[in-house]
Every structure is written in structure tokens, then in C-alpha cells.
Amino acid sequence: MDRDPKAREDTDVVFSIAGESPLQGCVPLDSFFSSKRFVGAAKALGTAVYLRLEATRLSEPSYLRSAEARIDFDGYGLASTIAHLMTYERDRFDRLESALQDIIPGVKRIRVRRIERKIPRRGPDASPENEKVLADELVLDMHSGDALPAHAISEGTLIVLGLLTVLEDPDRPNLILIEDIDHASHPRGPKPSWWSSCAP
């Protein structure tokens, strides 16, 4: 049964600090930390991100739309973010690859290849046109086969890779809110080496 679309966007939030009256309300998760009503929560919890990672967006070829290499809340930009890590921040990429191998032993190597992609844009006369851009496509070498495109990889593997990439951000958030993570990840899987530093 499909859930109410509004239920995907709103959540009941209760936040309290000792000695103060609790704040409660139903607010969009995306704007929770920018809401003036919950400024106390934002200050106490620090940086936070909201993720609703989707396999189709995680596997989609992407290109950097700004100088900042970071995936979107739905997972778009994973390939170009990993390409940036491979090229400019190799230590972070090596940690990412090792962590993924700890959790998904079937992974041998993470790779990215450059492809040409057409994106829609408006021409000078406001008519729709396609612009060619160079994009990054994620591929994985697995024990079951090499150079598997991301769209052929399991949903759980992609979601784990997306989450690990967020955790490798130099400005790693204090709090990550993840929607529907249980539908693609096994709760009793092996714990990676970095788990002890992240778990409470």
C-alpha cells in the first residue's frame, strides 16, 4: 500500500532542553534545521543532513554543477563525487573503498569512467535543446564480474556506498536522518572497521 505523500515530507518533532518547555510540531524534515521554531535543536545537534537515497539516482551518471563535490539528498552526484575523491583526495577515496569492501565483501574495486551525456536546456529562443556534457559513470569490479555499471549493482550496495561517501565528507555532519534505509540494507551485516567511531 502506498503511503500518504505528505507523510514522506513531514514528521512530528519533539525537542526539549532541561529547564525549558518542550517544542513540538509537524515540520518538513528538509527545513527542520532552518526553522526559527527549532533553532535550539539546530544549535544543540549541530550540522545535520537529511537523506532519502534512491538507487536510480545513486547509479545515474552525473557531472559537477559547482566546485563542491557532494551528493544530493537523493543520491544524485555519487559518481562525480567519487571521481573527485579519486583524483584529488586519494586518501579519502582509499578509506571509502576499504569501508565498502568491509561491508560488501564481493566488491573488488570502485571505478569511474567518463562518458558523454545530453542534458536539456533552453535555447536563445526559449526552445528546448540538448547540451552535451562530460559526465562520470560509476562502475564496480565485483568478484562476480568486472566493470559492472552502477545500474546493475544491488540497491543495498549502492545505498551503503552513498552513505559511506557522505561520511567521508570533510565536514561530516553530526546527525544524518535517513528515510527508508531498512528496505535495502541488512541490519545484521558485518560491521566495518570505522563503525566503532560512528556508533554511540
C-alpha atoms as a PDB file:
ATOM      1  CA  MET A   1       0.000   0.000   0.000  1.00  0.00           C
ATOM      2  CA  ASP A   2       1.337   3.425  -0.914  1.00  0.00           C
ATOM      3  CA  ARG A   3       1.883   5.846   1.913  1.00  0.00           C
ATOM      4  CA  ASP A   4       0.391   9.295   2.008  1.00  0.00           C
ATOM      5  CA  PRO A   5       2.853  11.544   0.064  1.00  0.00           C
ATOM      6  CA  LYS A   6       2.602  14.120   2.860  1.00  0.00           C
ATOM      7  CA  ALA A   7       3.897  11.510   5.291  1.00  0.00           C
ATOM      8  CA  ARG A   8       7.124  11.391   3.310  1.00  0.00           C
ATOM      9  CA  GLU A   9       7.736  15.093   3.870  1.00  0.00           C
ATOM     10  CA  ASP A  10       6.502  15.841   7.372  1.00  0.00           C
ATOM     11  CA  THR A  11       7.332  14.378  10.734  1.00  0.00           C
ATOM     12  CA  ASP A  12       6.349  15.057  14.343  1.00  0.00           C
ATOM     13  CA  VAL A  13       9.328  16.516  16.181  1.00  0.00           C
ATOM     14  CA  VAL A  14       9.623  16.886  19.954  1.00  0.00           C
ATOM     15  CA  PHE A  15      12.721  18.650  21.296  1.00  0.00           C
ATOM     16  CA  SER A  16      13.437  19.709  24.844  1.00  0.00           C
ATOM     17  CA  ILE A  17      16.287  21.045  26.954  1.00  0.00           C
ATOM     18  CA  ALA A  18      16.366  20.624  30.732  1.00  0.00           C
ATOM     19  CA  GLY A  19      14.630  23.549  32.402  1.00  0.00           C
ATOM     20  CA  GLU A  20      12.812  24.675  29.242  1.00  0.00           C
ATOM     21  CA  SER A  21       9.381  23.923  27.840  1.00  0.00           C
ATOM     22  CA  PRO A  22       9.496  21.296  25.058  1.00  0.00           C
ATOM     23  CA  LEU A  23       8.913  22.345  21.464  1.00  0.00           C
ATOM     24  CA  GLN A  24       6.664  20.176  19.354  1.00  0.00           C
ATOM     25  CA  GLY A  25       5.324  20.397  15.842  1.00  0.00           C
ATOM     26  CA  CYS A  26       4.929  18.855  12.430  1.00  0.00           C
ATOM     27  CA  VAL A  27       7.523  20.288  10.044  1.00  0.00           C
ATOM     28  CA  PRO A  28       9.129  19.302   6.734  1.00  0.00           C
ATOM     29  CA  LEU A  29      12.328  17.383   7.500  1.00  0.00           C
ATOM     30  CA  ASP A  30      14.204  19.316   4.814  1.00  0.00           C
ATOM     31  CA  SER A  31      13.549  22.621   6.567  1.00  0.00           C
ATOM     32  CA  PHE A  32      13.673  21.444  10.184  1.00  0.00           C
ATOM     33  CA  PHE A  33      17.133  22.850  10.860  1.00  0.00           C
ATOM     34  CA  SER A  34      16.400  26.174   9.184  1.00  0.00           C
ATOM     35  CA  SER A  35      13.154  26.717  11.104  1.00  0.00           C
ATOM     36  CA  LYS A  36      13.233  29.514  13.704  1.00  0.00           C
ATOM     37  CA  ARG A  37      10.968  27.450  15.951  1.00  0.00           C
ATOM     38  CA  PHE A  38      13.644  24.761  16.234  1.00  0.00           C
ATOM     39  CA  VAL A  39      16.744  26.936  16.411  1.00  0.00           C
ATOM     40  CA  GLY A  40      17.552  25.359  19.796  1.00  0.00           C
ATOM     41  CA  ALA A  41      17.552  21.884  18.268  1.00  0.00           C
ATOM     42  CA  ALA A  42      19.776  23.018  15.437  1.00  0.00           C
ATOM     43  CA  LYS A  43      22.258  24.556  17.873  1.00  0.00           C
ATOM     44  CA  ALA A  44      22.336  21.525  20.171  1.00  0.00           C
ATOM     45  CA  LEU A  45      22.610  18.914  17.433  1.00  0.00           C
ATOM     46  CA  GLY A  46      24.983  20.796  15.154  1.00  0.00           C
ATOM     47  CA  THR A  47      25.237  20.059  11.441  1.00  0.00           C
ATOM     48  CA  ALA A  48      22.724  17.602  10.052  1.00  0.00           C
ATOM     49  CA  VAL A  49      21.692  16.216   6.679  1.00  0.00           C
ATOM     50  CA  TYR A  50      18.519  14.517   5.526  1.00  0.00           C
ATOM     51  CA  LEU A  51      18.949  11.644   3.062  1.00  0.00           C
ATOM     52  CA  ARG A  52      16.398   9.747   1.001  1.00  0.00           C
ATOM     53  CA  LEU A  53      18.837   7.746  -1.099  1.00  0.00           C
ATOM     54  CA  GLU A  54      17.361   6.155  -4.226  1.00  0.00           C
ATOM     55  CA  ALA A  55      19.170   3.526  -6.290  1.00  0.00           C
ATOM     56  CA  THR A  56      18.173   5.103  -9.607  1.00  0.00           C
ATOM     57  CA  ARG A  57      19.668   8.456  -8.575  1.00  0.00           C
ATOM     58  CA  LEU A  58      22.777   6.904  -6.992  1.00  0.00           C
ATOM     59  CA  SER A  59      23.518   4.943 -10.180  1.00  0.00           C
ATOM     60  CA  GLU A  60      22.826   7.831 -12.549  1.00  0.00           C
ATOM     61  CA  PRO A  61      25.822   9.300 -14.430  1.00  0.00           C
ATOM     62  CA  SER A  62      26.481  12.778 -13.075  1.00  0.00           C
ATOM     63  CA  TYR A  63      28.613  15.840 -13.514  1.00  0.00           C
ATOM     64  CA  LEU A  64      29.721  18.515 -11.081  1.00  0.00           C
ATOM     65  CA  ARG A  65      27.414  21.512 -11.265  1.00  0.00           C
ATOM     66  CA  SER A  66      29.657  23.507  -8.928  1.00  0.00           C
ATOM     67  CA  ALA A  67      33.146  23.404  -7.452  1.00  0.00           C
ATOM     68  CA  GLU A  68      31.775  21.474  -4.463  1.00  0.00           C
ATOM     69  CA  ALA A  69      31.859  17.672  -4.793  1.00  0.00           C
ATOM     70  CA  ARG A  70      28.910  16.411  -2.760  1.00  0.00           C
ATOM     71  CA  ILE A  71      25.952  14.114  -3.401  1.00  0.00           C
ATOM     72  CA  ASP A  72      22.380  15.379  -3.276  1.00  0.00           C
ATOM     73  CA  PHE A  73      19.897  14.177  -0.639  1.00  0.00           C
ATOM     74  CA  ASP A  74      18.521  11.575  -3.083  1.00  0.00           C
ATOM     75  CA  GLY A  75      21.957  10.297  -4.131  1.00  0.00           C
ATOM     76  CA  TYR A  76      22.484  12.151  -7.406  1.00  0.00           C
ATOM     77  CA  GLY A  77      26.119  13.138  -7.894  1.00  0.00           C
ATOM     78  CA  LEU A  78      27.637   9.989  -6.393  1.00  0.00           C
ATOM     79  CA  ALA A  79      29.727   9.185  -9.487  1.00  0.00           C
ATOM     80  CA  SER A  80      31.184  12.686  -9.858  1.00  0.00           C
ATOM     81  CA  THR A  81      31.855  12.952  -6.111  1.00  0.00           C
ATOM     82  CA  ILE A  82      33.776   9.668  -6.185  1.00  0.00           C
ATOM     83  CA  ALA A  83      35.641  10.822  -9.324  1.00  0.00           C
ATOM     84  CA  HIS A  84      36.690  13.934  -7.402  1.00  0.00           C
ATOM     85  CA  LEU A  85      37.935  11.824  -4.475  1.00  0.00           C
ATOM     86  CA  MET A  86      39.880   9.513  -6.795  1.00  0.00           C
ATOM     87  CA  THR A  87      41.590  12.452  -8.483  1.00  0.00           C
ATOM     88  CA  TYR A  88      42.166  15.000  -5.724  1.00  0.00           C
ATOM     89  CA  GLU A  89      41.716  13.281  -2.340  1.00  0.00           C
ATOM     90  CA  ARG A  90      43.113   9.806  -2.733  1.00  0.00           C
ATOM     91  CA  ASP A  91      43.385   9.069   0.992  1.00  0.00           C
ATOM     92  CA  ARG A  92      39.668   9.670   1.449  1.00  0.00           C
ATOM     93  CA  PHE A  93      38.880   7.538  -1.594  1.00  0.00           C
ATOM     94  CA  ASP A  94      41.025   4.667  -0.269  1.00  0.00           C
ATOM     95  CA  ARG A  95      39.169   4.800   3.073  1.00  0.00           C
ATOM     96  CA  LEU A  96      35.840   4.809   1.223  1.00  0.00           C
ATOM     97  CA  GLU A  97      36.765   1.821  -0.925  1.00  0.00           C
ATOM     98  CA  SER A  98      38.117  -0.124   2.058  1.00  0.00           C
ATOM     99  CA  ALA A  99      34.972   0.573   4.118  1.00  0.00           C
ATOM    100  CA  LEU A 100      32.747  -0.608   1.262  1.00  0.00           C
ATOM    101  CA  GLN A 101      34.791  -3.812   0.952  1.00  0.00           C
ATOM    102  CA  ASP A 102      34.421  -4.393   4.712  1.00  0.00           C
ATOM    103  CA  ILE A 103      30.635  -4.246   4.409  1.00  0.00           C
ATOM    104  CA  ILE A 104      30.220  -5.761   0.926  1.00  0.00           C
ATOM    105  CA  PRO A 105      32.991  -8.385   0.567  1.00  0.00           C
ATOM    106  CA  GLY A 106      32.027  -9.011  -3.060  1.00  0.00           C
ATOM    107  CA  VAL A 107      33.422  -5.606  -4.085  1.00  0.00           C
ATOM    108  CA  LYS A 108      36.958  -5.636  -5.515  1.00  0.00           C
ATOM    109  CA  ARG A 109      37.309  -2.074  -6.769  1.00  0.00           C
ATOM    110  CA  ILE A 110      35.389   1.177  -7.305  1.00  0.00           C
ATOM    111  CA  ARG A 111      35.969   2.885 -10.637  1.00  0.00           C
ATOM    112  CA  VAL A 112      34.568   5.800 -12.607  1.00  0.00           C
ATOM    113  CA  ARG A 113      34.591   6.261 -16.376  1.00  0.00           C
ATOM    114  CA  ARG A 114      33.987   9.423 -18.389  1.00  0.00           C
ATOM    115  CA  ILE A 115      31.025   9.439 -20.768  1.00  0.00           C
ATOM    116  CA  GLU A 116      29.223  11.996 -22.909  1.00  0.00           C
ATOM    117  CA  ARG A 117      25.704  12.879 -21.834  1.00  0.00           C
ATOM    118  CA  LYS A 118      22.958  15.102 -23.174  1.00  0.00           C
ATOM    119  CA  ILE A 119      21.129  17.389 -20.780  1.00  0.00           C
ATOM    120  CA  PRO A 120      18.085  19.522 -21.609  1.00  0.00           C
ATOM    121  CA  ARG A 121      18.373  23.298 -21.644  1.00  0.00           C
ATOM    122  CA  ARG A 122      16.599  26.283 -23.161  1.00  0.00           C
ATOM    123  CA  GLY A 123      17.975  27.793 -26.363  1.00  0.00           C
ATOM    124  CA  PRO A 124      18.231  31.542 -27.096  1.00  0.00           C
ATOM    125  CA  ASP A 125      14.695  31.492 -28.461  1.00  0.00           C
ATOM    126  CA  ALA A 126      13.431  29.582 -25.382  1.00  0.00           C
ATOM    127  CA  SER A 127      13.064  26.377 -27.412  1.00  0.00           C
ATOM    128  CA  PRO A 128      14.189  23.113 -25.774  1.00  0.00           C
ATOM    129  CA  GLU A 129      17.667  21.926 -26.753  1.00  0.00           C
ATOM    130  CA  ASN A 130      20.092  19.238 -25.639  1.00  0.00           C
ATOM    131  CA  GLU A 131      23.556  20.217 -24.460  1.00  0.00           C
ATOM    132  CA  LYS A 132      26.401  17.702 -24.467  1.00  0.00           C
ATOM    133  CA  VAL A 133      28.417  17.476 -21.251  1.00  0.00           C
ATOM    134  CA  LEU A 134      31.125  15.149 -19.988  1.00  0.00           C
ATOM    135  CA  ALA A 135      29.706  13.098 -17.127  1.00  0.00           C
ATOM    136  CA  ASP A 136      31.048  10.471 -14.733  1.00  0.00           C
ATOM    137  CA  GLU A 137      29.622   6.958 -14.640  1.00  0.00           C
ATOM    138  CA  LEU A 138      30.178   4.703 -11.644  1.00  0.00           C
ATOM    139  CA  VAL A 139      31.335   1.127 -12.280  1.00  0.00           C
ATOM    140  CA  LEU A 140      32.357  -1.560  -9.809  1.00  0.00           C
ATOM    141  CA  ASP A 141      34.654  -4.539 -10.163  1.00  0.00           C
ATOM    142  CA  MET A 142      32.998  -7.392  -8.283  1.00  0.00           C
ATOM    143  CA  HIS A 143      34.046 -10.972  -7.639  1.00  0.00           C
ATOM    144  CA  SER A 144      31.139 -11.891  -9.924  1.00  0.00           C
ATOM    145  CA  GLY A 145      32.446  -9.740 -12.782  1.00  0.00           C
ATOM    146  CA  ASP A 146      34.427  -6.622 -13.661  1.00  0.00           C
ATOM    147  CA  ALA A 147      33.294  -3.182 -14.870  1.00  0.00           C
ATOM    148  CA  LEU A 148      29.678  -3.633 -13.799  1.00  0.00           C
ATOM    149  CA  PRO A 149      27.753  -0.377 -14.343  1.00  0.00           C
ATOM    150  CA  ALA A 150      26.097   1.062 -11.260  1.00  0.00           C
ATOM    151  CA  HIS A 151      22.583   0.340 -12.552  1.00  0.00           C
ATOM    152  CA  ALA A 152      23.493  -3.386 -12.482  1.00  0.00           C
ATOM    153  CA  ILE A 153      24.606  -3.251  -8.831  1.00  0.00           C
ATOM    154  CA  SER A 154      22.246  -4.179  -5.992  1.00  0.00           C
ATOM    155  CA  GLU A 155      20.229  -1.422  -4.362  1.00  0.00           C
ATOM    156  CA  GLY A 156      21.696  -2.202  -0.948  1.00  0.00           C
ATOM    157  CA  THR A 157      25.279  -1.870  -2.203  1.00  0.00           C
ATOM    158  CA  LEU A 158      24.530   1.485  -3.818  1.00  0.00           C
ATOM    159  CA  ILE A 159      22.851   2.855  -0.693  1.00  0.00           C
ATOM    160  CA  VAL A 160      25.766   1.736   1.504  1.00  0.00           C
ATOM    161  CA  LEU A 161      28.214   3.375  -0.920  1.00  0.00           C
ATOM    162  CA  GLY A 162      26.182   6.587  -0.912  1.00  0.00           C
ATOM    163  CA  LEU A 163      26.104   6.694   2.890  1.00  0.00           C
ATOM    164  CA  LEU A 164      29.828   5.995   3.166  1.00  0.00           C
ATOM    165  CA  THR A 165      30.507   8.814   0.711  1.00  0.00           C
ATOM    166  CA  VAL A 166      28.528  11.208   2.922  1.00  0.00           C
ATOM    167  CA  LEU A 167      30.544  10.028   5.922  1.00  0.00           C
ATOM    168  CA  GLU A 168      33.786  10.741   4.032  1.00  0.00           C
ATOM    169  CA  ASP A 169      32.824  14.388   3.607  1.00  0.00           C
ATOM    170  CA  PRO A 170      35.455  16.573   5.348  1.00  0.00           C
ATOM    171  CA  ASP A 171      32.543  18.407   7.011  1.00  0.00           C
ATOM    172  CA  ARG A 172      30.846  15.207   8.148  1.00  0.00           C
ATOM    173  CA  PRO A 173      27.516  16.076   9.783  1.00  0.00           C
ATOM    174  CA  ASN A 174      26.825  15.360  13.447  1.00  0.00           C
ATOM    175  CA  LEU A 175      23.440  13.895  12.566  1.00  0.00           C
ATOM    176  CA  ILE A 176      22.236  12.018   9.473  1.00  0.00           C
ATOM    177  CA  LEU A 177      18.497  11.494   9.040  1.00  0.00           C
ATOM    178  CA  ILE A 178      17.891   8.572   6.666  1.00  0.00           C
ATOM    179  CA  GLU A 179      14.491   7.652   5.268  1.00  0.00           C
ATOM    180  CA  ASP A 180      13.706   4.014   4.405  1.00  0.00           C
ATOM    181  CA  ILE A 181      17.255   2.707   4.854  1.00  0.00           C
ATOM    182  CA  ASP A 182      15.923  -0.654   6.065  1.00  0.00           C
ATOM    183  CA  HIS A 183      14.379  -1.602   2.718  1.00  0.00           C
ATOM    184  CA  ALA A 184      17.758  -2.345   1.095  1.00  0.00           C
ATOM    185  CA  SER A 185      20.290  -2.961   3.882  1.00  0.00           C
ATOM    186  CA  HIS A 186      20.590  -5.998   6.126  1.00  0.00           C
ATOM    187  CA  PRO A 187      20.619  -4.958   9.820  1.00  0.00           C
ATOM    188  CA  ARG A 188      22.820  -7.917  10.823  1.00  0.00           C
ATOM    189  CA  GLY A 189      25.528  -7.497   8.209  1.00  0.00           C
ATOM    190  CA  PRO A 190      29.223  -7.316   9.184  1.00  0.00           C
ATOM    191  CA  LYS A 191      30.331  -4.124  10.898  1.00  0.00           C
ATOM    192  CA  PRO A 192      33.071  -2.153   9.113  1.00  0.00           C
ATOM    193  CA  SER A 193      36.287  -1.053  10.830  1.00  0.00           C
ATOM    194  CA  TRP A 194      35.064   2.553  11.137  1.00  0.00           C
ATOM    195  CA  TRP A 195      31.821   1.515  12.895  1.00  0.00           C
ATOM    196  CA  SER A 196      33.138   1.977  16.435  1.00  0.00           C
ATOM    197  CA  SER A 197      33.922   5.648  15.786  1.00  0.00           C
ATOM    198  CA  CYS A 198      30.407   6.309  14.460  1.00  0.00           C
ATOM    199  CA  ALA A 199      28.247   4.199  16.761  1.00  0.00           C
ATOM    200  CA  PRO A 200      27.086   5.684  20.077  1.00  0.00           C
END
